[in-house]
Amino acid sequence: MHRREFMLLRPCVVLGRVMLCALAGCLLAGCTTAAFSVVAPPAEQEDLVTFAAAWADYANDVNETPRAADCEPRRFTAAPRTKRRGAVIMFHGFGTCPQQFLELAPRISALGFDVLLPLLPGHGAMPTADGEDDLSGLPSADDDSSRYFEFASSMNRIMAASPGEKIIVGFSLGGTISLSAALQATELYNRIMLLAPMLAIRGGAFIEIFAETLGRTPGFKKMIVKPRGMRAKCRSWQAAGRAGFCNYRYKHVVALIDLMQINRRLYARQPLSNPVQVVAAGDEKYGSNDRIADYASAQVEFGPISLCYMPADVPHEMLTPYENEGRDMYWLEPLLVDMTAFVVHGRFFRVVQFDDSGEVARCDLSY
């Protein structure tokens, strides 16, 4: 819904006039009476209005600052004529935007779920006057580096207002945030999906300590993390249509590490019992697949979990064509199909082809 629709919807929350609110919002949106072919009970309708208003407040606050294309928070409403089943929230990765889930979100909403695509803190800013990335709002060692944790908590409050099932999905840093949200509210989500989650930086504890030390040290914390060649590659992705930034600094990595460390402490106190699907990249260059494997092994004791690895040539950036320019993304459609099946029905990914140890399962991409 657009801002003008929610301006009419929000007073209805206070007055409790749920049916009037829904009808007025529909008239503004130009929908037909067919949209009301499946009518929720009054109590659920009131919850839906509260949920919609909470999301609108968040989205309107974010959009007070102009955003780059495909970086605005998005909401895909459950399809008309479909019984609404619940809500799904999807967190994009570091340096990118909600654009990453524009292939998946419509599939899920068509099957009866509202889908929320929030914008991570400090992301999505318009470029500066000289065309450089504007990272002035990105969490870092210079300010409160716990902002990702607080952001996850605020998204939990919005999701808690939604009736029906609640599912959380996250890619890369979004996977770390999804895990944080689930650990902060262990009973909130029916299912959790983590795609190439950043549970630790690739290279082990030494690299993590090294990066954190640089990020907190004057004279080093403003150093650009990506080497020149990787920055050029990132710029080519932007030219192909990728939304997001390229030139982050070591001080920004500190905020990622802080969230990883908070998650580890939370998990040690209260592991999850929710069903979890984890998908690891075959060609992982940023996060630690070893840490992902350790997490999956530990989680087996507490709740249902499935981990599968994409084929060896599938990169961390597995979701969008903008980051795979010129490549045959043969894996994308099967991946989207299996993601939809888990989100909607709770069906774990099919797996095939174990390695010599019998422990590493490949995601089955055959259809």
Protein backbone atom coordinates (compact mmCIF):
# COMPACT_ATOMS: atom_id res chain seq x y z
CA MET A 1 0.00 0.00 0.00
CA HIS A 2 1.06 3.55 -0.55
CA ARG A 3 1.41 6.21 2.11
CA ARG A 4 -1.95 7.81 1.29
CA GLU A 5 -3.72 4.49 1.90
CA PHE A 6 -2.17 4.10 5.34
CA MET A 7 -3.02 7.65 6.27
CA LEU A 8 -6.63 6.51 6.04
CA LEU A 9 -5.98 3.12 7.61
CA ARG A 10 -4.20 4.26 10.72
CA PRO A 11 -7.12 6.15 12.38
CA CYS A 12 -9.14 2.94 11.97
CA VAL A 13 -6.75 1.23 14.36
CA VAL A 14 -7.59 3.71 17.08
CA LEU A 15 -11.33 3.64 16.40
CA GLY A 16 -11.47 -0.11 15.93
CA ARG A 17 -13.54 0.23 12.74
CA VAL A 18 -11.84 -2.62 10.99
CA MET A 19 -14.32 -3.29 8.19
CA LEU A 20 -14.70 0.40 7.33
CA CYS A 21 -10.93 0.73 7.33
CA ALA A 22 -10.42 -2.23 4.99
CA LEU A 23 -13.13 -1.03 2.61
CA ALA A 24 -11.80 2.53 2.50
CA GLY A 25 -8.27 1.30 1.86
CA CYS A 26 -9.52 -0.91 -0.94
CA LEU A 27 -11.42 1.92 -2.61
CA LEU A 28 -8.30 4.07 -2.59
CA ALA A 29 -6.23 1.22 -4.02
CA GLY A 30 -8.72 0.69 -6.83
CA CYS A 31 -9.43 -2.95 -6.01
CA THR A 32 -12.75 -4.70 -6.57
CA THR A 33 -15.12 -6.60 -4.33
CA ALA A 34 -13.33 -9.78 -5.48
CA ALA A 35 -10.57 -8.82 -3.06
CA PHE A 36 -13.01 -9.62 -0.23
CA SER A 37 -13.87 -13.09 -1.50
CA VAL A 38 -12.04 -14.56 1.52
CA VAL A 39 -13.05 -12.62 4.64
CA ALA A 40 -11.07 -13.04 7.82
CA PRO A 41 -12.81 -13.14 11.22
CA PRO A 42 -13.20 -9.69 12.85
CA ALA A 43 -10.43 -10.23 15.41
CA GLU A 44 -8.01 -11.26 12.67
CA GLN A 45 -9.03 -8.27 10.54
CA GLU A 46 -8.21 -5.96 13.42
CA ASP A 47 -4.82 -7.61 13.84
CA LEU A 48 -4.19 -7.19 10.12
CA VAL A 49 -4.88 -3.47 10.33
CA THR A 50 -2.49 -3.15 13.27
CA PHE A 51 0.14 -5.13 11.37
CA ALA A 52 -0.29 -3.00 8.22
CA ALA A 53 -0.07 0.21 10.20
CA ALA A 54 3.09 -0.90 12.02
CA TRP A 55 4.76 -1.73 8.70
CA ALA A 56 3.59 1.57 7.19
CA ASP A 57 5.07 3.53 10.08
CA TYR A 58 8.41 1.82 9.55
CA ALA A 59 8.39 2.21 5.75
CA ASN A 60 7.34 5.85 5.93
CA ASP A 61 10.14 6.61 8.40
CA VAL A 62 12.71 4.96 6.12
CA ASN A 63 11.42 6.73 3.03
CA GLU A 64 11.63 10.17 4.61
CA THR A 65 15.17 10.01 3.25
CA PRO A 66 15.29 9.58 -0.55
CA ARG A 67 16.31 6.04 -1.47
CA ALA A 68 18.11 4.60 -4.46
CA ALA A 69 16.09 2.59 -6.99
CA ASP A 70 14.93 -0.82 -5.69
CA CYS A 71 16.05 0.06 -2.17
CA GLU A 72 12.73 1.15 -0.67
CA PRO A 73 11.12 -1.23 1.83
CA ARG A 74 8.48 -3.29 0.02
CA ARG A 75 5.34 -5.12 1.07
CA PHE A 76 3.72 -7.74 -1.14
CA THR A 77 0.20 -8.39 0.14
CA ALA A 78 -1.34 -11.85 0.09
CA ALA A 79 -3.15 -12.39 -3.19
CA PRO A 80 -6.90 -11.63 -3.33
CA ARG A 81 -9.17 -14.70 -3.50
CA THR A 82 -6.52 -16.56 -1.49
CA LYS A 83 -6.96 -17.40 2.16
CA ARG A 84 -4.30 -15.44 4.00
CA ARG A 85 -1.98 -17.80 5.84
CA GLY A 86 0.43 -15.42 7.54
CA ALA A 87 3.46 -13.22 6.97
CA VAL A 88 7.03 -13.70 5.77
CA ILE A 89 9.87 -11.27 6.37
CA MET A 90 12.99 -11.40 4.18
CA PHE A 91 16.27 -9.67 5.02
CA HIS A 92 18.68 -8.86 2.19
CA GLY A 93 22.46 -9.02 2.39
CA PHE A 94 25.15 -6.53 3.32
CA GLY A 95 25.71 -3.81 0.73
CA THR A 96 22.57 -4.68 -1.23
CA CYS A 97 18.85 -3.87 -1.08
CA PRO A 98 15.40 -5.55 -0.97
CA GLN A 99 15.90 -5.99 -4.72
CA GLN A 100 17.50 -9.36 -3.89
CA PHE A 101 14.10 -10.88 -3.11
CA LEU A 102 12.05 -9.44 -5.95
CA GLU A 103 12.10 -12.83 -7.71
CA LEU A 104 10.88 -14.74 -4.65
CA ALA A 105 8.44 -12.39 -2.91
CA PRO A 106 5.64 -12.47 -5.55
CA ARG A 107 5.67 -16.27 -5.55
CA ILE A 108 5.11 -16.35 -1.82
CA SER A 109 2.43 -13.65 -1.76
CA ALA A 110 0.51 -15.48 -4.49
CA LEU A 111 0.17 -18.41 -2.07
CA GLY A 112 -1.45 -16.47 0.75
CA PHE A 113 1.33 -14.69 2.63
CA ASP A 114 2.09 -11.03 3.17
CA VAL A 115 5.78 -10.60 2.37
CA LEU A 116 7.83 -7.84 3.96
CA LEU A 117 11.15 -6.72 2.48
CA PRO A 118 12.74 -4.27 4.94
CA LEU A 119 15.85 -2.21 4.24
CA LEU A 120 18.84 -2.89 6.50
CA PRO A 121 20.05 0.06 8.59
CA GLY A 122 22.27 2.51 6.70
CA HIS A 123 21.61 0.86 3.33
CA GLY A 124 19.97 2.19 0.20
CA ALA A 125 21.14 5.81 0.38
CA MET A 126 21.37 7.86 -2.78
CA PRO A 127 24.94 8.39 -4.04
CA THR A 128 26.74 11.55 -2.96
CA ALA A 129 27.04 14.56 -5.27
CA ASP A 130 30.33 13.21 -6.65
CA GLY A 131 28.82 9.77 -7.33
CA GLU A 132 30.37 7.97 -4.35
CA ASP A 133 28.60 5.57 -1.99
CA ASP A 134 26.91 7.38 0.89
CA LEU A 135 27.73 5.27 3.95
CA SER A 136 27.09 7.97 6.53
CA GLY A 137 24.24 6.01 8.12
CA LEU A 138 25.83 2.56 7.98
CA PRO A 139 26.37 0.96 11.43
CA SER A 140 30.03 1.07 12.38
CA ALA A 141 32.52 1.21 15.22
CA ASP A 142 32.06 5.00 15.24
CA ASP A 143 28.50 4.79 16.55
CA ASP A 144 26.27 2.20 18.20
CA SER A 145 27.42 -0.97 16.47
CA SER A 146 24.49 -2.89 17.99
CA ARG A 147 22.04 -1.29 15.56
CA TYR A 148 21.58 -4.49 13.55
CA PHE A 149 20.52 -6.26 16.75
CA GLU A 150 18.06 -3.48 17.57
CA PHE A 151 16.76 -3.51 14.01
CA ALA A 152 16.00 -7.24 14.31
CA SER A 153 14.08 -6.55 17.51
CA SER A 154 12.02 -3.81 15.84
CA MET A 155 11.11 -6.14 12.96
CA ASN A 156 10.00 -8.75 15.49
CA ARG A 157 7.51 -6.26 16.90
CA ILE A 158 5.99 -5.75 13.45
CA MET A 159 5.82 -9.47 12.73
CA ALA A 160 4.29 -10.21 16.13
CA ALA A 161 1.25 -8.13 15.11
CA SER A 162 0.49 -10.37 12.13
CA PRO A 163 -2.05 -13.18 12.56
CA GLY A 164 -1.27 -16.60 11.14
CA GLU A 165 2.06 -18.25 10.47
CA LYS A 166 5.29 -16.27 10.67
CA ILE A 167 8.36 -17.18 8.64
CA ILE A 168 11.73 -15.44 8.54
CA VAL A 169 14.23 -15.57 5.67
CA GLY A 170 17.66 -14.02 5.44
CA PHE A 171 20.54 -13.91 2.98
CA SER A 172 24.18 -13.30 4.01
CA LEU A 173 24.09 -10.53 6.67
CA GLY A 174 20.32 -10.84 6.39
CA GLY A 175 20.76 -14.44 7.56
CA THR A 176 22.69 -13.20 10.59
CA ILE A 177 19.90 -10.71 11.32
CA SER A 178 17.26 -13.42 10.84
CA LEU A 179 19.06 -15.62 13.34
CA SER A 180 19.28 -12.68 15.75
CA ALA A 181 15.55 -12.00 15.42
CA ALA A 182 14.71 -15.66 16.01
CA LEU A 183 17.02 -15.90 19.03
CA GLN A 184 15.45 -12.77 20.53
CA ALA A 185 11.94 -14.22 20.16
CA THR A 186 12.31 -18.00 20.13
CA GLU A 187 8.55 -18.71 19.96
CA LEU A 188 7.67 -16.13 17.29
CA TYR A 189 8.59 -17.87 14.02
CA ASN A 190 7.18 -21.10 12.64
CA ARG A 191 10.10 -21.56 10.22
CA ILE A 192 13.53 -20.04 9.61
CA MET A 193 15.51 -20.01 6.35
CA LEU A 194 19.16 -18.94 6.23
CA LEU A 195 20.85 -18.51 2.84
CA ALA A 196 24.66 -18.27 2.91
CA PRO A 197 24.39 -16.75 6.41
CA MET A 198 27.32 -14.77 7.77
CA LEU A 199 27.82 -16.71 10.99
CA ALA A 200 31.55 -15.94 10.88
CA ILE A 201 34.01 -14.36 8.48
CA ARG A 202 35.79 -16.78 6.19
CA GLY A 203 39.29 -17.52 7.44
CA GLY A 204 38.53 -18.25 11.05
CA ALA A 205 38.94 -16.44 14.35
CA PHE A 206 42.28 -14.85 13.43
CA ILE A 207 40.79 -13.03 10.43
CA GLU A 208 37.82 -11.94 12.50
CA ILE A 209 40.06 -10.52 15.24
CA PHE A 210 42.30 -8.89 12.64
CA ALA A 211 39.36 -7.21 10.88
CA GLU A 212 37.84 -6.04 14.17
CA THR A 213 41.18 -4.61 15.32
CA LEU A 214 41.57 -2.64 12.09
CA GLY A 215 37.96 -1.45 12.35
CA ARG A 216 38.51 -0.01 15.80
CA THR A 217 41.95 1.54 15.19
CA PRO A 218 42.25 5.19 14.09
CA GLY A 219 44.16 5.40 10.85
CA PHE A 220 43.02 1.96 9.72
CA LYS A 221 39.28 1.86 10.35
CA LYS A 222 38.53 3.98 7.28
CA MET A 223 40.44 1.69 4.94
CA ILE A 224 38.32 0.24 2.13
CA VAL A 225 37.85 -3.51 2.59
CA LYS A 226 37.41 -4.65 -1.02
CA PRO A 227 40.58 -4.80 -3.14
CA ARG A 228 40.58 -2.69 -6.30
CA GLY A 229 39.65 -5.64 -8.54
CA MET A 230 36.63 -6.58 -6.42
CA ARG A 231 35.50 -2.95 -6.31
CA ALA A 232 35.62 -2.83 -10.11
CA LYS A 233 33.57 -6.01 -10.27
CA CYS A 234 31.04 -4.53 -7.86
CA ARG A 235 30.79 -1.40 -10.00
CA SER A 236 30.09 -3.57 -13.04
CA TRP A 237 27.23 -5.16 -11.10
CA GLN A 238 25.88 -1.69 -10.35
CA ALA A 239 26.05 -0.85 -14.04
CA ALA A 240 24.03 -4.02 -14.73
CA GLY A 241 21.31 -2.86 -12.33
CA ARG A 242 22.41 -4.04 -8.89
CA ALA A 243 21.24 -1.77 -6.10
CA GLY A 244 23.63 -1.16 -3.21
CA PHE A 245 27.12 0.05 -2.33
CA CYS A 246 30.67 -1.22 -2.89
CA ASN A 247 33.22 0.77 -0.91
CA TYR A 248 32.58 -0.08 2.74
CA ARG A 249 35.30 0.31 5.38
CA TYR A 250 36.73 -1.86 8.14
CA LYS A 251 34.83 0.18 10.73
CA HIS A 252 31.61 -1.08 9.12
CA VAL A 253 32.76 -4.70 9.45
CA VAL A 254 32.90 -4.20 13.23
CA ALA A 255 29.10 -3.91 13.35
CA LEU A 256 28.76 -7.23 11.52
CA ILE A 257 31.19 -8.92 13.89
CA ASP A 258 29.38 -7.50 16.91
CA LEU A 259 26.10 -9.04 15.73
CA MET A 260 27.76 -12.41 15.12
CA GLN A 261 29.18 -12.36 18.64
CA ILE A 262 25.82 -11.37 20.19
CA ASN A 263 24.17 -14.25 18.34
CA ARG A 264 26.72 -16.72 19.67
CA ARG A 265 26.02 -15.61 23.25
CA LEU A 266 22.25 -15.80 22.75
CA TYR A 267 22.49 -19.23 21.15
CA ALA A 268 24.60 -20.55 24.03
CA ARG A 269 21.82 -19.56 26.43
CA GLN A 270 18.79 -20.52 24.36
CA PRO A 271 19.13 -22.64 21.20
CA LEU A 272 16.26 -22.69 18.74
CA SER A 273 13.65 -25.43 18.46
CA ASN A 274 12.07 -24.00 15.27
CA PRO A 275 12.53 -25.81 11.94
CA VAL A 276 15.57 -24.31 10.19
CA GLN A 277 16.63 -24.65 6.55
CA VAL A 278 20.21 -23.60 5.81
CA VAL A 279 21.60 -23.28 2.29
CA ALA A 280 25.36 -22.75 1.87
CA ALA A 281 27.09 -21.40 -1.22
CA GLY A 282 29.34 -23.83 -3.06
CA ASP A 283 31.86 -21.11 -3.92
CA GLU A 284 31.81 -19.10 -0.69
CA LYS A 285 34.26 -16.18 -0.61
CA TYR A 286 33.00 -14.13 2.35
CA GLY A 287 31.41 -16.20 5.10
CA SER A 288 32.59 -19.36 6.82
CA ASN A 289 31.02 -22.59 5.61
CA ASP A 290 32.86 -24.33 8.43
CA ARG A 291 30.95 -22.25 10.98
CA ILE A 292 27.69 -22.99 9.16
CA ALA A 293 28.44 -26.72 9.39
CA ASP A 294 29.26 -26.39 13.10
CA TYR A 295 26.01 -24.55 13.72
CA ALA A 296 23.96 -27.19 11.88
CA SER A 297 25.66 -30.00 13.80
CA ALA A 298 24.93 -28.33 17.14
CA GLN A 299 21.35 -27.44 16.23
CA VAL A 300 20.39 -31.07 15.50
CA GLU A 301 20.12 -31.64 19.27
CA PHE A 302 17.49 -28.93 19.73
CA GLY A 303 15.25 -28.84 16.70
CA PRO A 304 14.73 -29.96 13.09
CA ILE A 305 17.36 -28.56 10.73
CA SER A 306 18.49 -29.26 7.19
CA LEU A 307 21.72 -28.03 5.65
CA CYS A 308 22.59 -28.45 2.00
CA TYR A 309 25.33 -26.98 -0.16
CA MET A 310 24.85 -25.51 -3.59
CA PRO A 311 27.09 -26.89 -6.38
CA ALA A 312 30.75 -25.88 -6.25
CA ASP A 313 30.41 -23.17 -8.92
CA VAL A 314 27.47 -21.37 -7.27
CA PRO A 315 28.74 -18.15 -5.67
CA HIS A 316 27.73 -16.39 -2.49
CA GLU A 317 25.72 -14.00 -4.69
CA MET A 318 23.27 -16.71 -5.70
CA LEU A 319 20.00 -14.82 -5.86
CA THR A 320 20.12 -12.09 -8.52
CA PRO A 321 21.22 -11.83 -12.17
CA TYR A 322 22.78 -8.42 -11.49
CA GLU A 323 25.60 -10.10 -9.57
CA ASN A 324 25.97 -12.92 -12.09
CA GLU A 325 26.29 -10.97 -15.30
CA GLY A 326 26.95 -13.24 -18.26
CA ARG A 327 26.55 -16.45 -16.27
CA ASP A 328 24.08 -19.27 -16.77
CA MET A 329 22.21 -19.20 -13.47
CA TYR A 330 21.01 -22.76 -13.90
CA TRP A 331 20.51 -23.04 -10.15
CA LEU A 332 18.16 -20.07 -9.66
CA GLU A 333 14.80 -21.55 -10.65
CA PRO A 334 15.24 -24.79 -8.66
CA LEU A 335 16.46 -22.71 -5.71
CA LEU A 336 13.37 -20.48 -5.86
CA VAL A 337 11.11 -23.52 -6.12
CA ASP A 338 12.64 -25.14 -3.03
CA MET A 339 12.64 -21.86 -1.10
CA THR A 340 8.95 -21.43 -1.85
CA ALA A 341 8.21 -24.99 -0.75
CA PHE A 342 9.96 -24.49 2.59
CA VAL A 343 8.42 -21.09 3.30
CA VAL A 344 4.88 -22.10 2.35
CA HIS A 345 4.74 -25.78 3.30
CA GLY A 346 7.73 -26.34 5.58
CA ARG A 347 9.27 -28.87 3.19
CA PHE A 348 13.02 -29.13 3.59
CA PHE A 349 15.21 -29.00 0.49
CA ARG A 350 15.80 -32.26 -1.32
CA VAL A 351 19.42 -33.40 -1.10
CA VAL A 352 21.64 -35.64 -3.17
CA GLN A 353 25.29 -36.60 -3.56
CA PHE A 354 27.15 -36.85 -0.30
CA ASP A 355 30.88 -36.30 -0.06
CA ASP A 356 33.29 -39.01 1.06
CA SER A 357 32.61 -38.31 4.72
CA GLY A 358 28.88 -38.86 4.25
CA GLU A 359 28.14 -35.59 6.00
CA VAL A 360 27.98 -32.89 3.31
CA ALA A 361 24.75 -32.95 1.32
CA ARG A 362 24.30 -31.14 -2.00
CA CYS A 363 21.01 -29.37 -2.70
CA ASP A 364 19.10 -31.34 -5.33
CA LEU A 365 18.55 -28.97 -8.26
CA SER A 366 16.98 -31.51 -10.63
CA TYR A 367 13.36 -30.95 -11.68
